Amino acid sequence: TPGRTAVRPSPAGPRTATLAQALNSALRDTLREDPS
């Protein structure tokens, strides 16, 4: 497949998070958007 652009989730506004939580959010959002 051609290279993909990292799709952003719907804007939810700024949030305070730890670096670990940000990584978790990145994985969660990507799993939701890309079944591969």
PDB file of all heavy atoms in Angstrom:
ATOM      1  N   THR A   1       0.834  -1.192   0.000  1.00  0.00           N
ATOM      2  CA  THR A   1       0.000   0.000   0.000  1.00  0.00           C
ATOM      3  C   THR A   1       0.869   1.243   0.000  1.00  0.00           C
ATOM      4  O   THR A   1       1.994   1.221   0.498  1.00  0.00           O
ATOM      5  CB  THR A   1      -0.895   0.034   1.248  1.00  0.00           C
ATOM      6  OG1 THR A   1      -0.062  -0.044   2.412  1.00  0.00           O
ATOM      7  CG2 THR A   1      -1.854  -1.129   1.255  1.00  0.00           C
ATOM      8  N   PRO A   2       0.415   2.337  -0.563  1.00  0.00           N
ATOM      9  CA  PRO A   2       1.203   3.560  -0.532  1.00  0.00           C
ATOM     10  C   PRO A   2       1.330   4.073   0.889  1.00  0.00           C
ATOM     11  O   PRO A   2       0.556   3.717   1.776  1.00  0.00           O
ATOM     12  CB  PRO A   2       0.381   4.529  -1.404  1.00  0.00           C
ATOM     13  CG  PRO A   2      -1.010   3.999  -1.351  1.00  0.00           C
ATOM     14  CD  PRO A   2      -0.876   2.507  -1.241  1.00  0.00           C
ATOM     15  N   GLY A   3       2.346   4.894   1.110  1.00  0.00           N
ATOM     16  CA  GLY A   3       2.539   5.479   2.433  1.00  0.00           C
ATOM     17  C   GLY A   3       1.300   6.236   2.884  1.00  0.00           C
ATOM     18  O   GLY A   3       0.609   6.863   2.079  1.00  0.00           O
ATOM     19  N   ARG A   4       1.010   6.169   4.171  1.00  0.00           N
ATOM     20  CA  ARG A   4      -0.192   6.764   4.704  1.00  0.00           C
ATOM     21  C   ARG A   4       0.143   8.000   5.512  1.00  0.00           C
ATOM     22  O   ARG A   4       1.204   8.106   6.104  1.00  0.00           O
ATOM     23  CB  ARG A   4      -0.923   5.764   5.595  1.00  0.00           C
ATOM     24  CG  ARG A   4      -1.190   4.437   4.902  1.00  0.00           C
ATOM     25  CD  ARG A   4      -1.951   3.509   5.799  1.00  0.00           C
ATOM     26  NE  ARG A   4      -2.090   2.211   5.138  1.00  0.00           N
ATOM     27  CZ  ARG A   4      -2.876   1.256   5.563  1.00  0.00           C
ATOM     28  NH1 ARG A   4      -3.594   1.427   6.643  1.00  0.00           N
ATOM     29  NH2 ARG A   4      -2.952   0.112   4.930  1.00  0.00           N
ATOM     30  N   THR A   5      -0.788   8.895   5.548  1.00  0.00           N
ATOM     31  CA  THR A   5      -0.682  10.047   6.427  1.00  0.00           C
ATOM     32  C   THR A   5      -1.318   9.698   7.759  1.00  0.00           C
ATOM     33  O   THR A   5      -2.382   9.099   7.808  1.00  0.00           O
ATOM     34  CB  THR A   5      -1.405  11.266   5.822  1.00  0.00           C
ATOM     35  OG1 THR A   5      -0.819  11.568   4.561  1.00  0.00           O
ATOM     36  CG2 THR A   5      -1.295  12.472   6.735  1.00  0.00           C
ATOM     37  N   ALA A   6      -0.622  10.046   8.852  1.00  0.00           N
ATOM     38  CA  ALA A   6      -1.175   9.750  10.175  1.00  0.00           C
ATOM     39  C   ALA A   6      -2.462  10.539  10.363  1.00  0.00           C
ATOM     40  O   ALA A   6      -2.478  11.764  10.382  1.00  0.00           O
ATOM     41  CB  ALA A   6      -0.170  10.123  11.267  1.00  0.00           C
ATOM     42  N   VAL A   7      -3.594   9.826  10.452  1.00  0.00           N
ATOM     43  CA  VAL A   7      -4.897  10.466  10.563  1.00  0.00           C
ATOM     44  C   VAL A   7      -5.116  10.949  11.991  1.00  0.00           C
ATOM     45  O   VAL A   7      -4.868  10.226  12.951  1.00  0.00           O
ATOM     46  CB  VAL A   7      -6.017   9.480  10.167  1.00  0.00           C
ATOM     47  CG1 VAL A   7      -7.368  10.143  10.278  1.00  0.00           C
ATOM     48  CG2 VAL A   7      -5.781   8.967   8.758  1.00  0.00           C
ATOM     49  N   ARG A   8      -5.559  12.179  12.143  1.00  0.00           N
ATOM     50  CA  ARG A   8      -5.835  12.727  13.466  1.00  0.00           C
ATOM     51  C   ARG A   8      -7.270  12.420  13.884  1.00  0.00           C
ATOM     52  O   ARG A   8      -8.172  12.349  13.047  1.00  0.00           O
ATOM     53  CB  ARG A   8      -5.647  14.249  13.459  1.00  0.00           C
ATOM     54  CG  ARG A   8      -4.235  14.677  13.141  1.00  0.00           C
ATOM     55  CD  ARG A   8      -3.309  14.335  14.284  1.00  0.00           C
ATOM     56  NE  ARG A   8      -1.962  14.789  13.995  1.00  0.00           N
ATOM     57  CZ  ARG A   8      -0.937  14.522  14.739  1.00  0.00           C
ATOM     58  NH1 ARG A   8      -1.074  13.805  15.818  1.00  0.00           N
ATOM     59  NH2 ARG A   8       0.263  14.964  14.429  1.00  0.00           N
ATOM     60  N   PRO A   9      -7.500  12.211  15.161  1.00  0.00           N
ATOM     61  CA  PRO A   9      -8.868  12.004  15.617  1.00  0.00           C
ATOM     62  C   PRO A   9      -9.636  13.308  15.566  1.00  0.00           C
ATOM     63  O   PRO A   9      -9.080  14.379  15.349  1.00  0.00           O
ATOM     64  CB  PRO A   9      -8.673  11.537  17.071  1.00  0.00           C
ATOM     65  CG  PRO A   9      -7.406  12.206  17.489  1.00  0.00           C
ATOM     66  CD  PRO A   9      -6.545  12.222  16.251  1.00  0.00           C
ATOM     67  N   SER A  10     -10.942  13.199  15.765  1.00  0.00           N
ATOM     68  CA  SER A  10     -11.739  14.414  15.833  1.00  0.00           C
ATOM     69  C   SER A  10     -11.228  15.298  16.957  1.00  0.00           C
ATOM     70  O   SER A  10     -10.916  14.808  18.048  1.00  0.00           O
ATOM     71  CB  SER A  10     -13.214  14.060  16.082  1.00  0.00           C
ATOM     72  OG  SER A  10     -13.710  13.252  15.045  1.00  0.00           O
ATOM     73  N   PRO A  11     -11.080  16.603  16.713  1.00  0.00           N
ATOM     74  CA  PRO A  11     -10.523  17.480  17.750  1.00  0.00           C
ATOM     75  C   PRO A  11     -11.309  17.389  19.048  1.00  0.00           C
ATOM     76  O   PRO A  11     -12.524  17.512  19.075  1.00  0.00           O
ATOM     77  CB  PRO A  11     -10.646  18.870  17.119  1.00  0.00           C
ATOM     78  CG  PRO A  11     -10.685  18.629  15.639  1.00  0.00           C
ATOM     79  CD  PRO A  11     -11.397  17.319  15.474  1.00  0.00           C
ATOM     80  N   ALA A  12     -10.589  17.128  20.115  1.00  0.00           N
ATOM     81  CA  ALA A  12     -11.214  17.052  21.425  1.00  0.00           C
ATOM     82  C   ALA A  12     -10.697  18.154  22.337  1.00  0.00           C
ATOM     83  O   ALA A  12     -11.078  18.209  23.495  1.00  0.00           O
ATOM     84  CB  ALA A  12     -10.944  15.686  22.057  1.00  0.00           C
ATOM     85  N   GLY A  13      -9.837  18.992  21.801  1.00  0.00           N
ATOM     86  CA  GLY A  13      -9.283  20.071  22.584  1.00  0.00           C
ATOM     87  C   GLY A  13      -8.085  19.622  23.389  1.00  0.00           C
ATOM     88  O   GLY A  13      -7.799  18.433  23.519  1.00  0.00           O
ATOM     89  N   PRO A  14      -7.363  20.579  23.940  1.00  0.00           N
ATOM     90  CA  PRO A  14      -6.176  20.250  24.740  1.00  0.00           C
ATOM     91  C   PRO A  14      -6.542  19.432  25.964  1.00  0.00           C
ATOM     92  O   PRO A  14      -7.646  19.534  26.510  1.00  0.00           O
ATOM     93  CB  PRO A  14      -5.629  21.630  25.141  1.00  0.00           C
ATOM     94  CG  PRO A  14      -6.224  22.589  24.156  1.00  0.00           C
ATOM     95  CD  PRO A  14      -7.560  22.036  23.801  1.00  0.00           C
ATOM     96  N   ARG A  15      -5.614  18.598  26.381  1.00  0.00           N
ATOM     97  CA  ARG A  15      -5.794  17.796  27.588  1.00  0.00           C
ATOM     98  C   ARG A  15      -4.440  17.683  28.285  1.00  0.00           C
ATOM     99  O   ARG A  15      -3.395  17.855  27.666  1.00  0.00           O
ATOM    100  CB  ARG A  15      -6.326  16.419  27.259  1.00  0.00           C
ATOM    101  CG  ARG A  15      -5.324  15.526  26.529  1.00  0.00           C
ATOM    102  CD  ARG A  15      -5.861  14.156  26.198  1.00  0.00           C
ATOM    103  NE  ARG A  15      -6.763  14.182  25.072  1.00  0.00           N
ATOM    104  CZ  ARG A  15      -7.060  13.099  24.344  1.00  0.00           C
ATOM    105  NH1 ARG A  15      -6.544  11.931  24.670  1.00  0.00           N
ATOM    106  NH2 ARG A  15      -7.873  13.185  23.323  1.00  0.00           N
ATOM    107  N   THR A  16      -4.480  17.409  29.579  1.00  0.00           N
ATOM    108  CA  THR A  16      -3.256  17.158  30.329  1.00  0.00           C
ATOM    109  C   THR A  16      -3.088  15.658  30.470  1.00  0.00           C
ATOM    110  O   THR A  16      -4.020  14.946  30.850  1.00  0.00           O
ATOM    111  CB  THR A  16      -3.316  17.824  31.714  1.00  0.00           C
ATOM    112  OG1 THR A  16      -3.414  19.237  31.539  1.00  0.00           O
ATOM    113  CG2 THR A  16      -2.059  17.512  32.518  1.00  0.00           C
ATOM    114  N   ALA A  17      -1.901  15.167  30.149  1.00  0.00           N
ATOM    115  CA  ALA A  17      -1.648  13.729  30.184  1.00  0.00           C
ATOM    116  C   ALA A  17      -0.185  13.481  30.476  1.00  0.00           C
ATOM    117  O   ALA A  17       0.664  14.354  30.289  1.00  0.00           O
ATOM    118  CB  ALA A  17      -2.033  13.090  28.849  1.00  0.00           C
ATOM    119  N   THR A  18       0.110  12.282  30.933  1.00  0.00           N
ATOM    120  CA  THR A  18       1.495  11.850  31.036  1.00  0.00           C
ATOM    121  C   THR A  18       1.960  11.397  29.658  1.00  0.00           C
ATOM    122  O   THR A  18       1.154  11.155  28.746  1.00  0.00           O
ATOM    123  CB  THR A  18       1.658  10.690  32.021  1.00  0.00           C
ATOM    124  OG1 THR A  18       0.953   9.546  31.508  1.00  0.00           O
ATOM    125  CG2 THR A  18       1.114  11.060  33.403  1.00  0.00           C
ATOM    126  N   LEU A  19       3.269  11.266  29.516  1.00  0.00           N
ATOM    127  CA  LEU A  19       3.797  10.770  28.252  1.00  0.00           C
ATOM    128  C   LEU A  19       3.278   9.362  27.985  1.00  0.00           C
ATOM    129  O   LEU A  19       2.935   9.017  26.848  1.00  0.00           O
ATOM    130  CB  LEU A  19       5.324  10.813  28.288  1.00  0.00           C
ATOM    131  CG  LEU A  19       6.058  10.566  26.967  1.00  0.00           C
ATOM    132  CD1 LEU A  19       7.300  11.443  26.862  1.00  0.00           C
ATOM    133  CD2 LEU A  19       6.442   9.097  26.812  1.00  0.00           C
ATOM    134  N   ALA A  20       3.173   8.542  29.027  1.00  0.00           N
ATOM    135  CA  ALA A  20       2.645   7.188  28.865  1.00  0.00           C
ATOM    136  C   ALA A  20       1.200   7.218  28.377  1.00  0.00           C
ATOM    137  O   ALA A  20       0.801   6.433  27.505  1.00  0.00           O
ATOM    138  CB  ALA A  20       2.750   6.428  30.187  1.00  0.00           C
ATOM    139  N   GLN A  21       0.394   8.112  28.924  1.00  0.00           N
ATOM    140  CA  GLN A  21      -0.999   8.210  28.497  1.00  0.00           C
ATOM    141  C   GLN A  21      -1.116   8.701  27.061  1.00  0.00           C
ATOM    142  O   GLN A  21      -2.010   8.273  26.321  1.00  0.00           O
ATOM    143  CB  GLN A  21      -1.749   9.143  29.442  1.00  0.00           C
ATOM    144  CG  GLN A  21      -1.964   8.563  30.833  1.00  0.00           C
ATOM    145  CD  GLN A  21      -2.454   9.596  31.840  1.00  0.00           C
ATOM    146  OE1 GLN A  21      -2.253  10.806  31.659  1.00  0.00           O
ATOM    147  NE2 GLN A  21      -3.098   9.130  32.906  1.00  0.00           N
ATOM    148  N   ALA A  22      -0.202   9.579  26.649  1.00  0.00           N
ATOM    149  CA  ALA A  22      -0.218  10.047  25.268  1.00  0.00           C
ATOM    150  C   ALA A  22       0.096   8.910  24.307  1.00  0.00           C
ATOM    151  O   ALA A  22      -0.506   8.804  23.228  1.00  0.00           O
ATOM    152  CB  ALA A  22       0.782  11.193  25.096  1.00  0.00           C
ATOM    153  N   LEU A  23       1.036   8.047  24.667  1.00  0.00           N
ATOM    154  CA  LEU A  23       1.337   6.886  23.837  1.00  0.00           C
ATOM    155  C   LEU A  23       0.129   5.955  23.762  1.00  0.00           C
ATOM    156  O   LEU A  23      -0.202   5.430  22.691  1.00  0.00           O
ATOM    157  CB  LEU A  23       2.542   6.147  24.403  1.00  0.00           C
ATOM    158  CG  LEU A  23       3.886   6.883  24.340  1.00  0.00           C
ATOM    159  CD1 LEU A  23       4.934   6.148  25.172  1.00  0.00           C
ATOM    160  CD2 LEU A  23       4.361   7.042  22.898  1.00  0.00           C
ATOM    161  N   ASN A  24      -0.532   5.745  24.884  1.00  0.00           N
ATOM    162  CA  ASN A  24      -1.729   4.915  24.903  1.00  0.00           C
ATOM    163  C   ASN A  24      -2.804   5.499  23.988  1.00  0.00           C
ATOM    164  O   ASN A  24      -3.467   4.778  23.230  1.00  0.00           O
ATOM    165  CB  ASN A  24      -2.250   4.778  26.332  1.00  0.00           C
ATOM    166  CG  ASN A  24      -3.512   3.948  26.432  1.00  0.00           C
ATOM    167  OD1 ASN A  24      -4.611   4.482  26.346  1.00  0.00           O
ATOM    168  ND2 ASN A  24      -3.364   2.645  26.600  1.00  0.00           N
ATOM    169  N   SER A  25      -2.987   6.818  24.039  1.00  0.00           N
ATOM    170  CA  SER A  25      -3.982   7.471  23.180  1.00  0.00           C
ATOM    171  C   SER A  25      -3.621   7.318  21.716  1.00  0.00           C
ATOM    172  O   SER A  25      -4.505   7.112  20.865  1.00  0.00           O
ATOM    173  CB  SER A  25      -4.086   8.956  23.543  1.00  0.00           C
ATOM    174  OG  SER A  25      -4.613   9.136  24.839  1.00  0.00           O
ATOM    175  N   ALA A  26      -2.338   7.417  21.397  1.00  0.00           N
ATOM    176  CA  ALA A  26      -1.913   7.262  20.004  1.00  0.00           C
ATOM    177  C   ALA A  26      -2.229   5.867  19.499  1.00  0.00           C
ATOM    178  O   ALA A  26      -2.725   5.696  18.372  1.00  0.00           O
ATOM    179  CB  ALA A  26      -0.416   7.555  19.883  1.00  0.00           C
ATOM    180  N   LEU A  27      -1.951   4.853  20.292  1.00  0.00           N
ATOM    181  CA  LEU A  27      -2.270   3.486  19.889  1.00  0.00           C
ATOM    182  C   LEU A  27      -3.776   3.284  19.757  1.00  0.00           C
ATOM    183  O   LEU A  27      -4.264   2.702  18.776  1.00  0.00           O
ATOM    184  CB  LEU A  27      -1.697   2.500  20.911  1.00  0.00           C
ATOM    185  CG  LEU A  27      -0.177   2.372  20.960  1.00  0.00           C
ATOM    186  CD1 LEU A  27       0.252   1.547  22.159  1.00  0.00           C
ATOM    187  CD2 LEU A  27       0.362   1.764  19.666  1.00  0.00           C
ATOM    188  N   ARG A  28      -4.529   3.794  20.718  1.00  0.00           N
ATOM    189  CA  ARG A  28      -5.985   3.617  20.705  1.00  0.00           C
ATOM    190  C   ARG A  28      -6.602   4.291  19.472  1.00  0.00           C
ATOM    191  O   ARG A  28      -7.428   3.692  18.768  1.00  0.00           O
ATOM    192  CB  ARG A  28      -6.578   4.190  21.992  1.00  0.00           C
ATOM    193  CG  ARG A  28      -8.055   3.892  22.200  1.00  0.00           C
ATOM    194  CD  ARG A  28      -8.533   4.507  23.502  1.00  0.00           C
ATOM    195  NE  ARG A  28      -7.729   4.057  24.633  1.00  0.00           N
ATOM    196  CZ  ARG A  28      -7.935   2.925  25.286  1.00  0.00           C
ATOM    197  NH1 ARG A  28      -8.923   2.127  24.932  1.00  0.00           N
ATOM    198  NH2 ARG A  28      -7.152   2.594  26.300  1.00  0.00           N
ATOM    199  N   ASP A  29      -6.198   5.534  19.199  1.00  0.00           N
ATOM    200  CA  ASP A  29      -6.771   6.246  18.057  1.00  0.00           C
ATOM    201  C   ASP A  29      -6.405   5.570  16.744  1.00  0.00           C
ATOM    202  O   ASP A  29      -7.223   5.486  15.818  1.00  0.00           O
ATOM    203  CB  ASP A  29      -6.275   7.704  18.052  1.00  0.00           C
ATOM    204  CG  ASP A  29      -6.878   8.521  19.179  1.00  0.00           C
ATOM    205  OD1 ASP A  29      -7.921   8.112  19.736  1.00  0.00           O
ATOM    206  OD2 ASP A  29      -6.306   9.583  19.524  1.00  0.00           O
ATOM    207  N   THR A  30      -5.175   5.063  16.651  1.00  0.00           N
ATOM    208  CA  THR A  30      -4.759   4.400  15.419  1.00  0.00           C
ATOM    209  C   THR A  30      -5.491   3.081  15.216  1.00  0.00           C
ATOM    210  O   THR A  30      -5.906   2.755  14.101  1.00  0.00           O
ATOM    211  CB  THR A  30      -3.232   4.169  15.447  1.00  0.00           C
ATOM    212  OG1 THR A  30      -2.563   5.398  15.693  1.00  0.00           O
ATOM    213  CG2 THR A  30      -2.754   3.620  14.112  1.00  0.00           C
ATOM    214  N   LEU A  31      -5.668   2.312  16.285  1.00  0.00           N
ATOM    215  CA  LEU A  31      -6.410   1.055  16.178  1.00  0.00           C
ATOM    216  C   LEU A  31      -7.855   1.298  15.762  1.00  0.00           C
ATOM    217  O   LEU A  31      -8.446   0.519  14.994  1.00  0.00           O
ATOM    218  CB  LEU A  31      -6.374   0.316  17.519  1.00  0.00           C
ATOM    219  CG  LEU A  31      -5.056  -0.380  17.884  1.00  0.00           C
ATOM    220  CD1 LEU A  31      -4.999  -0.695  19.374  1.00  0.00           C
ATOM    221  CD2 LEU A  31      -4.877  -1.648  17.067  1.00  0.00           C
ATOM    222  N   ARG A  32      -8.445   2.385  16.242  1.00  0.00           N
ATOM    223  CA  ARG A  32      -9.824   2.706  15.875  1.00  0.00           C
ATOM    224  C   ARG A  32      -9.935   3.059  14.389  1.00  0.00           C
ATOM    225  O   ARG A  32     -10.913   2.701  13.726  1.00  0.00           O
ATOM    226  CB  ARG A  32     -10.324   3.876  16.710  1.00  0.00           C
ATOM    227  CG  ARG A  32     -10.657   3.538  18.153  1.00  0.00           C
ATOM    228  CD  ARG A  32     -10.967   4.787  18.947  1.00  0.00           C
ATOM    229  NE  ARG A  32     -11.332   4.469  20.336  1.00  0.00           N
ATOM    230  CZ  ARG A  32     -11.392   5.368  21.314  1.00  0.00           C
ATOM    231  NH1 ARG A  32     -11.111   6.643  21.054  1.00  0.00           N
ATOM    232  NH2 ARG A  32     -11.720   4.998  22.535  1.00  0.00           N
ATOM    233  N   GLU A  33      -8.936   3.747  13.875  1.00  0.00           N
ATOM    234  CA  GLU A  33      -9.027   4.291  12.520  1.00  0.00           C
ATOM    235  C   GLU A  33      -8.499   3.364  11.437  1.00  0.00           C
ATOM    236  O   GLU A  33      -8.883   3.492  10.277  1.00  0.00           O
ATOM    237  CB  GLU A  33      -8.267   5.626  12.460  1.00  0.00           C
ATOM    238  CG  GLU A  33      -8.876   6.702  13.350  1.00  0.00           C
ATOM    239  CD  GLU A  33      -7.912   7.841  13.615  1.00  0.00           C
ATOM    240  OE1 GLU A  33      -6.854   7.891  12.960  1.00  0.00           O
ATOM    241  OE2 GLU A  33      -8.217   8.673  14.483  1.00  0.00           O
ATOM    242  N   ASP A  34      -7.614   2.431  11.795  1.00  0.00           N
ATOM    243  CA  ASP A  34      -6.964   1.605  10.777  1.00  0.00           C
ATOM    244  C   ASP A  34      -7.034   0.136  11.192  1.00  0.00           C
ATOM    245  O   ASP A  34      -6.300  -0.301  12.078  1.00  0.00           O
ATOM    246  CB  ASP A  34      -5.508   2.042  10.612  1.00  0.00           C
ATOM    247  CG  ASP A  34      -4.826   1.364   9.422  1.00  0.00           C
ATOM    248  OD1 ASP A  34      -5.390   0.377   8.898  1.00  0.00           O
ATOM    249  OD2 ASP A  34      -3.731   1.825   9.032  1.00  0.00           O
ATOM    250  N   PRO A  35      -7.885  -0.657  10.559  1.00  0.00           N
ATOM    251  CA  PRO A  35      -8.027  -2.070  10.944  1.00  0.00           C
ATOM    252  C   PRO A  35      -6.794  -2.909  10.644  1.00  0.00           C
ATOM    253  O   PRO A  35      -6.706  -4.054  11.111  1.00  0.00           O
ATOM    254  CB  PRO A  35      -9.241  -2.542  10.124  1.00  0.00           C
ATOM    255  CG  PRO A  35      -9.331  -1.581   8.987  1.00  0.00           C
ATOM    256  CD  PRO A  35      -8.836  -0.274   9.498  1.00  0.00           C
ATOM    257  N   SER A  36      -5.854  -2.385   9.863  1.00  0.00           N
ATOM    258  CA  SER A  36      -4.640  -3.154   9.567  1.00  0.00           C
ATOM    259  C   SER A  36      -3.616  -3.082  10.695  1.00  0.00           C
ATOM    260  O   SER A  36      -2.644  -3.833  10.704  1.00  0.00           O
ATOM    261  CB  SER A  36      -4.001  -2.655   8.265  1.00  0.00           C
ATOM    262  OG  SER A  36      -3.406  -1.380   8.434  1.00  0.00           O
TER     263      SER A  36
END
